[in-house]
Amino acid sequence: MVSPPSVASPAELQAKQRELQRIMEDIEDQKRALAEAARQETGVLAELNRLERQLVLSQRELAYIALQMSITSDRVRTVEGELEATEARLDKHSGVLAQRVRAIYMAG
């Protein structure tokens, strides 16, 4: 035989209402926390995206500077070679000039 459902007392109903209210507040708190976490995640992702773009830009700038350094090094080597050749010619001409001056001096 099935017994008839028991009727809750007003105090029991109030306790259940308070528990229900507490659960609803917990749910709302969790929703707010989830929304805040989503906002923070969006902010973090945006910052990560910005940093990735900055990294790519920095890498491109570094490659450009490395190429400039290579070109400049090549130019320096070329100029050093030209300087050595010019110094060799100068030494040769200085010797010839010294001989001419000596010859003129000796000729009187």
Protein backbone atom coordinates (compact mmCIF):
# COMPACT_ATOMS: atom_id res chain seq x y z
CA MET A 1 0.00 0.00 0.00
CA VAL A 2 1.21 3.51 -0.88
CA SER A 3 1.24 6.08 1.82
CA PRO A 4 -0.06 9.54 1.00
CA PRO A 5 2.63 12.17 0.36
CA SER A 6 3.64 14.01 3.46
CA VAL A 7 2.99 17.70 3.64
CA ALA A 8 5.99 19.85 4.43
CA SER A 9 5.75 22.25 7.30
CA PRO A 10 6.10 25.99 6.68
CA ALA A 11 9.56 25.92 8.31
CA GLU A 12 10.66 23.12 5.95
CA LEU A 13 9.33 25.07 2.96
CA GLN A 14 11.21 28.19 4.07
CA ALA A 15 14.41 26.17 4.49
CA LYS A 16 14.00 24.71 1.02
CA GLN A 17 13.31 28.18 -0.40
CA ARG A 18 16.47 29.53 1.24
CA GLU A 19 18.47 26.58 -0.14
CA LEU A 20 16.98 27.18 -3.58
CA GLN A 21 17.85 30.90 -3.34
CA ARG A 22 21.41 30.06 -2.26
CA ILE A 23 21.79 27.68 -5.21
CA MET A 24 20.48 30.34 -7.62
CA GLU A 25 22.95 32.88 -6.20
CA ASP A 26 25.76 30.35 -6.62
CA ILE A 27 24.71 29.83 -10.23
CA GLU A 28 24.71 33.59 -10.87
CA ASP A 29 28.13 33.91 -9.20
CA GLN A 30 29.47 31.15 -11.43
CA LYS A 31 27.98 32.83 -14.53
CA ARG A 32 29.64 36.13 -13.58
CA ALA A 33 32.95 34.37 -12.94
CA LEU A 34 32.69 32.60 -16.29
CA ALA A 35 31.93 35.87 -18.10
CA GLU A 36 34.90 37.55 -16.38
CA ALA A 37 37.16 34.64 -17.31
CA ALA A 38 35.98 34.92 -20.91
CA ARG A 39 36.78 38.68 -20.91
CA GLN A 40 40.21 38.00 -19.45
CA GLU A 41 40.83 35.24 -21.98
CA THR A 42 39.89 37.62 -24.77
CA GLY A 43 42.29 40.20 -23.37
CA VAL A 44 45.07 37.66 -23.01
CA LEU A 45 44.48 36.34 -26.53
CA ALA A 46 44.53 39.87 -27.92
CA GLU A 47 47.80 40.58 -26.09
CA LEU A 48 49.27 37.29 -27.36
CA ASN A 49 48.23 38.18 -30.90
CA ARG A 50 49.82 41.63 -30.55
CA LEU A 51 53.03 40.09 -29.21
CA GLU A 52 53.15 37.60 -32.08
CA ARG A 53 52.80 40.43 -34.62
CA GLN A 54 55.52 42.37 -32.79
CA LEU A 55 57.78 39.29 -32.88
CA VAL A 56 57.28 38.90 -36.65
CA LEU A 57 58.05 42.58 -37.16
CA SER A 58 61.17 42.35 -34.99
CA GLN A 59 62.33 39.28 -36.93
CA ARG A 60 61.88 41.15 -40.22
CA GLU A 61 63.79 44.13 -38.86
CA LEU A 62 66.57 41.82 -37.66
CA ALA A 63 66.81 40.19 -41.09
CA TYR A 64 66.96 43.64 -42.72
CA ILE A 65 69.71 44.77 -40.35
CA ALA A 66 71.66 41.54 -40.91
CA LEU A 67 71.48 42.12 -44.67
CA GLN A 68 72.60 45.73 -44.24
CA MET A 69 75.54 44.54 -42.14
CA SER A 70 76.49 42.02 -44.82
CA ILE A 71 76.37 44.66 -47.55
CA THR A 72 78.36 47.09 -45.39
CA SER A 73 80.97 44.41 -44.64
CA ASP A 74 81.33 43.74 -48.37
CA ARG A 75 81.76 47.46 -49.03
CA VAL A 76 84.37 47.74 -46.26
CA ARG A 77 86.34 44.87 -47.76
CA THR A 78 86.16 46.49 -51.20
CA VAL A 79 87.29 49.86 -49.85
CA GLU A 80 90.09 48.22 -47.86
CA GLY A 81 91.30 46.55 -51.06
CA GLU A 82 91.15 49.86 -52.91
CA LEU A 83 93.00 51.55 -50.05
CA GLU A 84 95.78 48.95 -50.15
CA ALA A 85 96.12 49.41 -53.92
CA THR A 86 96.18 53.19 -53.52
CA GLU A 87 98.79 52.96 -50.75
CA ALA A 88 100.92 50.70 -52.97
CA ARG A 89 100.69 53.22 -55.82
CA LEU A 90 101.49 56.05 -53.40
CA ASP A 91 104.55 54.18 -52.12
CA LYS A 92 105.69 53.62 -55.71
CA HIS A 93 105.13 57.24 -56.68
CA SER A 94 106.80 58.46 -53.50
CA GLY A 95 109.88 56.42 -54.39
CA VAL A 96 109.93 57.77 -57.95
CA LEU A 97 109.39 61.32 -56.68
CA ALA A 98 112.19 60.94 -54.17
CA GLN A 99 114.52 59.77 -56.96
CA ARG A 100 113.55 62.75 -59.13
CA VAL A 101 114.08 65.21 -56.30
CA ARG A 102 117.45 63.65 -55.62
CA ALA A 103 118.33 63.77 -59.29
CA ILE A 104 117.35 67.44 -59.52
CA TYR A 105 119.30 68.22 -56.38
CA MET A 106 122.34 66.39 -57.68
CA ALA A 107 122.05 68.12 -61.05
CA GLY A 108 122.28 71.31 -59.27
